[in-house]
Amino acid sequence: MNTIAFNQQLSDKLNKELNPELFSTPGKGEITVVANEKKDLREYRIITKDNKVVDVVDAYDADHDAAYQKMMDFLKNYR
């Protein structure tokens, strides 16, 4: 599976798992996950390579809540 297809598939699974707290959009080489609340400044970049998650970057260095932990637990299967 190529990177774009992998990211799309993983993004779709993340959206099923994390909505309504967080929403993800796929890109080439990364997936961006943002908070669904306009006032909430949370954004994470999931860096992928060779159909695996290699890093998760917190764009705003925000406090990590239950939604973040749920995302990280979900991503364990893709590392």
PDB file of N, CA and C in Angstrom:
ATOM      1  N   MET A   1       0.852  -1.170   0.000  1.00  0.00           N
ATOM      2  CA  MET A   1       0.000   0.000   0.000  1.00  0.00           C
ATOM      3  C   MET A   1       0.902   1.239   0.000  1.00  0.00           C
ATOM      4  N   ASN A   2       0.571   2.223  -0.823  1.00  0.00           N
ATOM      5  CA  ASN A   2       1.404   3.422  -0.850  1.00  0.00           C
ATOM      6  C   ASN A   2       1.062   4.333   0.334  1.00  0.00           C
ATOM      7  N   THR A   3       1.904   5.325   0.560  1.00  0.00           N
ATOM      8  CA  THR A   3       1.775   6.201   1.722  1.00  0.00           C
ATOM      9  C   THR A   3       0.450   6.944   1.754  1.00  0.00           C
ATOM     10  N   ILE A   4       0.018   7.455   0.622  1.00  0.00           N
ATOM     11  CA  ILE A   4      -1.230   8.221   0.580  1.00  0.00           C
ATOM     12  C   ILE A   4      -2.417   7.329   0.942  1.00  0.00           C
ATOM     13  N   ALA A   5      -2.451   6.118   0.410  1.00  0.00           N
ATOM     14  CA  ALA A   5      -3.539   5.184   0.722  1.00  0.00           C
ATOM     15  C   ALA A   5      -3.507   4.785   2.200  1.00  0.00           C
ATOM     16  N   PHE A   6      -2.313   4.530   2.725  1.00  0.00           N
ATOM     17  CA  PHE A   6      -2.175   4.188   4.144  1.00  0.00           C
ATOM     18  C   PHE A   6      -2.681   5.328   5.022  1.00  0.00           C
ATOM     19  N   ASN A   7      -2.267   6.561   4.706  1.00  0.00           N
ATOM     20  CA  ASN A   7      -2.688   7.712   5.503  1.00  0.00           C
ATOM     21  C   ASN A   7      -4.198   7.924   5.432  1.00  0.00           C
ATOM     22  N   GLN A   8      -4.786   7.713   4.267  1.00  0.00           N
ATOM     23  CA  GLN A   8      -6.238   7.852   4.129  1.00  0.00           C
ATOM     24  C   GLN A   8      -6.957   6.811   4.982  1.00  0.00           C
ATOM     25  N   GLN A   9      -6.485   5.577   4.906  1.00  0.00           N
ATOM     26  CA  GLN A   9      -7.101   4.495   5.673  1.00  0.00           C
ATOM     27  C   GLN A   9      -6.963   4.740   7.179  1.00  0.00           C
ATOM     28  N   LEU A  10      -5.778   5.139   7.616  1.00  0.00           N
ATOM     29  CA  LEU A  10      -5.557   5.404   9.035  1.00  0.00           C
ATOM     30  C   LEU A  10      -6.382   6.609   9.497  1.00  0.00           C
ATOM     31  N   SER A  11      -6.462   7.636   8.677  1.00  0.00           N
ATOM     32  CA  SER A  11      -7.265   8.816   9.010  1.00  0.00           C
ATOM     33  C   SER A  11      -8.742   8.449   9.167  1.00  0.00           C
ATOM     34  N   ASP A  12      -9.255   7.629   8.270  1.00  0.00           N
ATOM     35  CA  ASP A  12     -10.651   7.184   8.367  1.00  0.00           C
ATOM     36  C   ASP A  12     -10.895   6.426   9.675  1.00  0.00           C
ATOM     37  N   LYS A  13      -9.959   5.556  10.040  1.00  0.00           N
ATOM     38  CA  LYS A  13     -10.093   4.791  11.282  1.00  0.00           C
ATOM     39  C   LYS A  13     -10.001   5.702  12.501  1.00  0.00           C
ATOM     40  N   LEU A  14      -9.094   6.685  12.447  1.00  0.00           N
ATOM     41  CA  LEU A  14      -8.983   7.648  13.543  1.00  0.00           C
ATOM     42  C   LEU A  14     -10.278   8.427  13.722  1.00  0.00           C
ATOM     43  N   ASN A  15     -10.876   8.849  12.619  1.00  0.00           N
ATOM     44  CA  ASN A  15     -12.122   9.614  12.713  1.00  0.00           C
ATOM     45  C   ASN A  15     -13.239   8.793  13.345  1.00  0.00           C
ATOM     46  N   LYS A  16     -13.306   7.518  13.026  1.00  0.00           N
ATOM     47  CA  LYS A  16     -14.315   6.653  13.647  1.00  0.00           C
ATOM     48  C   LYS A  16     -14.056   6.506  15.142  1.00  0.00           C
ATOM     49  N   GLU A  17     -12.787   6.434  15.514  1.00  0.00           N
ATOM     50  CA  GLU A  17     -12.393   6.215  16.902  1.00  0.00           C
ATOM     51  C   GLU A  17     -12.472   7.489  17.748  1.00  0.00           C
ATOM     52  N   LEU A  18     -12.111   8.636  17.191  1.00  0.00           N
ATOM     53  CA  LEU A  18     -11.916   9.851  17.985  1.00  0.00           C
ATOM     54  C   LEU A  18     -13.045  10.868  17.934  1.00  0.00           C
ATOM     55  N   ASN A  19     -13.918  10.791  16.937  1.00  0.00           N
ATOM     56  CA  ASN A  19     -15.008  11.772  16.874  1.00  0.00           C
ATOM     57  C   ASN A  19     -15.901  11.604  18.082  1.00  0.00           C
ATOM     58  N   PRO A  20     -16.427  12.647  18.668  1.00  0.00           N
ATOM     59  CA  PRO A  20     -16.442  14.025  18.183  1.00  0.00           C
ATOM     60  C   PRO A  20     -15.318  14.902  18.724  1.00  0.00           C
ATOM     61  N   GLU A  21     -14.438  14.372  19.602  1.00  0.00           N
ATOM     62  CA  GLU A  21     -13.420  15.223  20.221  1.00  0.00           C
ATOM     63  C   GLU A  21     -12.369  15.717  19.230  1.00  0.00           C
ATOM     64  N   LEU A  22     -11.880  14.828  18.384  1.00  0.00           N
ATOM     65  CA  LEU A  22     -10.805  15.163  17.448  1.00  0.00           C
ATOM     66  C   LEU A  22     -11.196  14.749  16.037  1.00  0.00           C
ATOM     67  N   PHE A  23     -10.596  15.412  15.049  1.00  0.00           N
ATOM     68  CA  PHE A  23     -10.874  15.116  13.646  1.00  0.00           C
ATOM     69  C   PHE A  23      -9.551  15.070  12.894  1.00  0.00           C
ATOM     70  N   SER A  24      -9.371  14.090  12.029  1.00  0.00           N
ATOM     71  CA  SER A  24      -8.108  13.958  11.298  1.00  0.00           C
ATOM     72  C   SER A  24      -8.310  14.132   9.803  1.00  0.00           C
ATOM     73  N   THR A  25      -7.257  14.640   9.162  1.00  0.00           N
ATOM     74  CA  THR A  25      -7.228  14.759   7.703  1.00  0.00           C
ATOM     75  C   THR A  25      -5.889  14.228   7.213  1.00  0.00           C
ATOM     76  N   PRO A  26      -5.910  13.395   6.172  1.00  0.00           N
ATOM     77  CA  PRO A  26      -4.669  12.805   5.684  1.00  0.00           C
ATOM     78  C   PRO A  26      -3.913  13.746   4.756  1.00  0.00           C
ATOM     79  N   GLY A  27      -2.614  13.550   4.721  1.00  0.00           N
ATOM     80  CA  GLY A  27      -1.751  14.259   3.785  1.00  0.00           C
ATOM     81  C   GLY A  27      -0.663  13.312   3.339  1.00  0.00           C
ATOM     82  N   LYS A  28       0.277  13.805   2.590  1.00  0.00           N
ATOM     83  CA  LYS A  28       1.379  12.962   2.132  1.00  0.00           C
ATOM     84  C   LYS A  28       2.471  12.966   3.200  1.00  0.00           C
ATOM     85  N   GLY A  29       2.675  11.841   3.824  1.00  0.00           N
ATOM     86  CA  GLY A  29       3.706  11.717   4.845  1.00  0.00           C
ATOM     87  C   GLY A  29       3.255  12.079   6.243  1.00  0.00           C
ATOM     88  N   GLU A  30       2.019  12.584   6.394  1.00  0.00           N
ATOM     89  CA  GLU A  30       1.530  12.910   7.721  1.00  0.00           C
ATOM     90  C   GLU A  30       0.007  12.964   7.729  1.00  0.00           C
ATOM     91  N   ILE A  31      -0.522  12.900   8.932  1.00  0.00           N
ATOM     92  CA  ILE A  31      -1.953  13.066   9.160  1.00  0.00           C
ATOM     93  C   ILE A  31      -2.085  14.175  10.193  1.00  0.00           C
ATOM     94  N   THR A  32      -2.937  15.141   9.936  1.00  0.00           N
ATOM     95  CA  THR A  32      -3.166  16.225  10.882  1.00  0.00           C
ATOM     96  C   THR A  32      -4.429  15.926  11.673  1.00  0.00           C
ATOM     97  N   VAL A  33      -4.320  16.019  12.993  1.00  0.00           N
ATOM     98  CA  VAL A  33      -5.456  15.796  13.880  1.00  0.00           C
ATOM     99  C   VAL A  33      -5.698  17.094  14.637  1.00  0.00           C
ATOM    100  N   VAL A  34      -6.919  17.611  14.578  1.00  0.00           N
ATOM    101  CA  VAL A  34      -7.257  18.863  15.264  1.00  0.00           C
ATOM    102  C   VAL A  34      -8.481  18.652  16.150  1.00  0.00           C
ATOM    103  N   ALA A  35      -8.633  19.556  17.124  1.00  0.00           N
ATOM    104  CA  ALA A  35      -9.809  19.531  17.992  1.00  0.00           C
ATOM    105  C   ALA A  35     -11.014  20.029  17.214  1.00  0.00           C
ATOM    106  N   ASN A  36     -12.165  19.474  17.502  1.00  0.00           N
ATOM    107  CA  ASN A  36     -13.389  19.889  16.826  1.00  0.00           C
ATOM    108  C   ASN A  36     -13.961  21.194  17.367  1.00  0.00           C
ATOM    109  N   GLU A  37     -13.497  21.659  18.505  1.00  0.00           N
ATOM    110  CA  GLU A  37     -13.969  22.913  19.087  1.00  0.00           C
ATOM    111  C   GLU A  37     -13.170  24.075  18.518  1.00  0.00           C
ATOM    112  N   LYS A  38     -13.843  25.124  18.061  1.00  0.00           N
ATOM    113  CA  LYS A  38     -13.143  26.287  17.498  1.00  0.00           C
ATOM    114  C   LYS A  38     -12.254  26.971  18.525  1.00  0.00           C
ATOM    115  N   LYS A  39     -12.672  27.003  19.786  1.00  0.00           N
ATOM    116  CA  LYS A  39     -11.904  27.676  20.834  1.00  0.00           C
ATOM    117  C   LYS A  39     -10.752  26.818  21.356  1.00  0.00           C
ATOM    118  N   ASP A  40     -10.718  25.571  20.983  1.00  0.00           N
ATOM    119  CA  ASP A  40      -9.743  24.617  21.504  1.00  0.00           C
ATOM    120  C   ASP A  40      -8.529  24.544  20.586  1.00  0.00           C
ATOM    121  N   LEU A  41      -7.372  24.954  21.086  1.00  0.00           N
ATOM    122  CA  LEU A  41      -6.157  24.931  20.273  1.00  0.00           C
ATOM    123  C   LEU A  41      -5.393  23.634  20.509  1.00  0.00           C
ATOM    124  N   ARG A  42      -5.807  22.616  19.821  1.00  0.00           N
ATOM    125  CA  ARG A  42      -5.083  21.346  19.846  1.00  0.00           C
ATOM    126  C   ARG A  42      -4.878  20.901  18.415  1.00  0.00           C
ATOM    127  N   GLU A  43      -3.642  20.604  18.086  1.00  0.00           N
ATOM    128  CA  GLU A  43      -3.319  20.094  16.756  1.00  0.00           C
ATOM    129  C   GLU A  43      -2.133  19.154  16.886  1.00  0.00           C
ATOM    130  N   TYR A  44      -2.290  17.980  16.317  1.00  0.00           N
ATOM    131  CA  TYR A  44      -1.235  16.967  16.352  1.00  0.00           C
ATOM    132  C   TYR A  44      -0.906  16.554  14.928  1.00  0.00           C
ATOM    133  N   ARG A  45       0.359  16.310  14.680  1.00  0.00           N
ATOM    134  CA  ARG A  45       0.791  15.807  13.386  1.00  0.00           C
ATOM    135  C   ARG A  45       1.316  14.390  13.600  1.00  0.00           C
ATOM    136  N   ILE A  46       0.674  13.458  12.918  1.00  0.00           N
ATOM    137  CA  ILE A  46       1.098  12.059  12.973  1.00  0.00           C
ATOM    138  C   ILE A  46       1.977  11.836  11.754  1.00  0.00           C
ATOM    139  N   ILE A  47       3.255  11.621  11.986  1.00  0.00           N
ATOM    140  CA  ILE A  47       4.224  11.441  10.908  1.00  0.00           C
ATOM    141  C   ILE A  47       4.288   9.952  10.567  1.00  0.00           C
ATOM    142  N   THR A  48       4.128   9.649   9.272  1.00  0.00           N
ATOM    143  CA  THR A  48       4.146   8.257   8.827  1.00  0.00           C
ATOM    144  C   THR A  48       5.267   8.035   7.815  1.00  0.00           C
ATOM    145  N   LYS A  49       5.757   6.802   7.809  1.00  0.00           N
ATOM    146  CA  LYS A  49       6.773   6.396   6.835  1.00  0.00           C
ATOM    147  C   LYS A  49       6.690   4.885   6.695  1.00  0.00           C
ATOM    148  N   ASP A  50       6.712   4.412   5.464  1.00  0.00           N
ATOM    149  CA  ASP A  50       6.672   2.971   5.188  1.00  0.00           C
ATOM    150  C   ASP A  50       5.490   2.289   5.888  1.00  0.00           C
ATOM    151  N   ASN A  51       4.323   2.923   5.817  1.00  0.00           N
ATOM    152  CA  ASN A  51       3.081   2.386   6.378  1.00  0.00           C
ATOM    153  C   ASN A  51       3.140   2.161   7.884  1.00  0.00           C
ATOM    154  N   LYS A  52       3.880   3.027   8.575  1.00  0.00           N
ATOM    155  CA  LYS A  52       3.961   2.982  10.031  1.00  0.00           C
ATOM    156  C   LYS A  52       3.947   4.402  10.568  1.00  0.00           C
ATOM    157  N   VAL A  53       3.483   4.539  11.790  1.00  0.00           N
ATOM    158  CA  VAL A  53       3.553   5.819  12.492  1.00  0.00           C
ATOM    159  C   VAL A  53       4.937   5.909  13.121  1.00  0.00           C
ATOM    160  N   VAL A  54       5.689   6.956  12.765  1.00  0.00           N
ATOM    161  CA  VAL A  54       7.040   7.097  13.297  1.00  0.00           C
ATOM    162  C   VAL A  54       7.149   8.187  14.356  1.00  0.00           C
ATOM    163  N   ASP A  55       6.181   9.129  14.398  1.00  0.00           N
ATOM    164  CA  ASP A  55       6.244  10.201  15.388  1.00  0.00           C
ATOM    165  C   ASP A  55       4.886  10.881  15.496  1.00  0.00           C
ATOM    166  N   VAL A  56       4.624  11.462  16.652  1.00  0.00           N
ATOM    167  CA  VAL A  56       3.445  12.302  16.861  1.00  0.00           C
ATOM    168  C   VAL A  56       3.951  13.614  17.442  1.00  0.00           C
ATOM    169  N   VAL A  57       3.647  14.714  16.759  1.00  0.00           N
ATOM    170  CA  VAL A  57       4.120  16.035  17.164  1.00  0.00           C
ATOM    171  C   VAL A  57       2.921  16.863  17.616  1.00  0.00           C
ATOM    172  N   ASP A  58       3.037  17.462  18.793  1.00  0.00           N
ATOM    173  CA  ASP A  58       2.006  18.348  19.328  1.00  0.00           C
ATOM    174  C   ASP A  58       2.344  19.765  18.886  1.00  0.00           C
ATOM    175  N   ALA A  59       1.566  20.323  17.973  1.00  0.00           N
ATOM    176  CA  ALA A  59       1.869  21.628  17.378  1.00  0.00           C
ATOM    177  C   ALA A  59       1.813  22.763  18.392  1.00  0.00           C
ATOM    178  N   TYR A  60       0.967  22.656  19.405  1.00  0.00           N
ATOM    179  CA  TYR A  60       0.797  23.746  20.367  1.00  0.00           C
ATOM    180  C   TYR A  60       1.315  23.408  21.757  1.00  0.00           C
ATOM    181  N   ASP A  61       1.925  22.250  21.925  1.00  0.00           N
ATOM    182  CA  ASP A  61       2.405  21.803  23.230  1.00  0.00           C
ATOM    183  C   ASP A  61       1.293  21.942  24.276  1.00  0.00           C
ATOM    184  N   ALA A  62       0.107  21.470  23.918  1.00  0.00           N
ATOM    185  CA  ALA A  62      -1.081  21.611  24.760  1.00  0.00           C
ATOM    186  C   ALA A  62      -1.092  20.569  25.877  1.00  0.00           C
ATOM    187  N   ASP A  63      -1.965  20.806  26.852  1.00  0.00           N
ATOM    188  CA  ASP A  63      -2.180  19.798  27.884  1.00  0.00           C
ATOM    189  C   ASP A  63      -2.814  18.575  27.234  1.00  0.00           C
ATOM    190  N   HIS A  64      -2.339  17.414  27.619  1.00  0.00           N
ATOM    191  CA  HIS A  64      -2.862  16.190  27.025  1.00  0.00           C
ATOM    192  C   HIS A  64      -4.029  15.680  27.854  1.00  0.00           C
ATOM    193  N   ASP A  65      -5.134  15.447  27.172  1.00  0.00           N
ATOM    194  CA  ASP A  65      -6.360  15.032  27.833  1.00  0.00           C
ATOM    195  C   ASP A  65      -6.702  13.595  27.461  1.00  0.00           C
ATOM    196  N   ALA A  66      -7.909  13.185  27.814  1.00  0.00           N
ATOM    197  CA  ALA A  66      -8.348  11.812  27.541  1.00  0.00           C
ATOM    198  C   ALA A  66      -8.411  11.523  26.045  1.00  0.00           C
ATOM    199  N   ALA A  67      -8.790  12.514  25.231  1.00  0.00           N
ATOM    200  CA  ALA A  67      -8.860  12.311  23.777  1.00  0.00           C
ATOM    201  C   ALA A  67      -7.465  12.057  23.207  1.00  0.00           C
ATOM    202  N   TYR A  68      -6.459  12.775  23.714  1.00  0.00           N
ATOM    203  CA  TYR A  68      -5.073  12.567  23.274  1.00  0.00           C
ATOM    204  C   TYR A  68      -4.627  11.152  23.642  1.00  0.00           C
ATOM    205  N   GLN A  69      -4.904  10.745  24.872  1.00  0.00           N
ATOM    206  CA  GLN A  69      -4.501   9.412  25.308  1.00  0.00           C
ATOM    207  C   GLN A  69      -5.196   8.331  24.495  1.00  0.00           C
ATOM    208  N   LYS A  70      -6.459   8.553  24.162  1.00  0.00           N
ATOM    209  CA  LYS A  70      -7.204   7.604  23.326  1.00  0.00           C
ATOM    210  C   LYS A  70      -6.552   7.491  21.946  1.00  0.00           C
ATOM    211  N   MET A  71      -6.126   8.634  21.382  1.00  0.00           N
ATOM    212  CA  MET A  71      -5.446   8.638  20.089  1.00  0.00           C
ATOM    213  C   MET A  71      -4.126   7.868  20.183  1.00  0.00           C
ATOM    214  N   MET A  72      -3.343   8.127  21.232  1.00  0.00           N
ATOM    215  CA  MET A  72      -2.052   7.458  21.380  1.00  0.00           C
ATOM    216  C   MET A  72      -2.230   5.952  21.586  1.00  0.00           C
ATOM    217  N   ASP A  73      -3.219   5.565  22.358  1.00  0.00           N
ATOM    218  CA  ASP A  73      -3.490   4.132  22.550  1.00  0.00           C
ATOM    219  C   ASP A  73      -3.860   3.474  21.222  1.00  0.00           C
ATOM    220  N   PHE A  74      -4.676   4.159  20.428  1.00  0.00           N
ATOM    221  CA  PHE A  74      -5.075   3.640  19.120  1.00  0.00           C
ATOM    222  C   PHE A  74      -3.862   3.487  18.201  1.00  0.00           C
ATOM    223  N   LEU A  75      -2.950   4.455  18.242  1.00  0.00           N
ATOM    224  CA  LEU A  75      -1.799   4.449  17.335  1.00  0.00           C
ATOM    225  C   LEU A  75      -0.747   3.399  17.693  1.00  0.00           C
ATOM    226  N   LYS A  76      -0.805   2.826  18.884  1.00  0.00           N
ATOM    227  CA  LYS A  76       0.166   1.790  19.272  1.00  0.00           C
ATOM    228  C   LYS A  76       0.188   0.643  18.270  1.00  0.00           C
ATOM    229  N   ASN A  77      -0.956   0.349  17.681  1.00  0.00           N
ATOM    230  CA  ASN A  77      -1.046  -0.747  16.711  1.00  0.00           C
ATOM    231  C   ASN A  77      -0.385  -0.415  15.379  1.00  0.00           C
ATOM    232  N   TYR A  78      -0.020   0.834  15.171  1.00  0.00           N
ATOM    233  CA  TYR A  78       0.536   1.265  13.884  1.00  0.00           C
ATOM    234  C   TYR A  78       1.997   1.687  13.981  1.00  0.00           C
ATOM    235  N   ARG A  79       2.642   1.451  15.091  1.00  0.00           N
ATOM    236  CA  ARG A  79       4.055   1.842  15.257  1.00  0.00           C
ATOM    237  C   ARG A  79       4.968   0.731  14.820  1.00  0.00           C
TER     238      ARG A  79
END
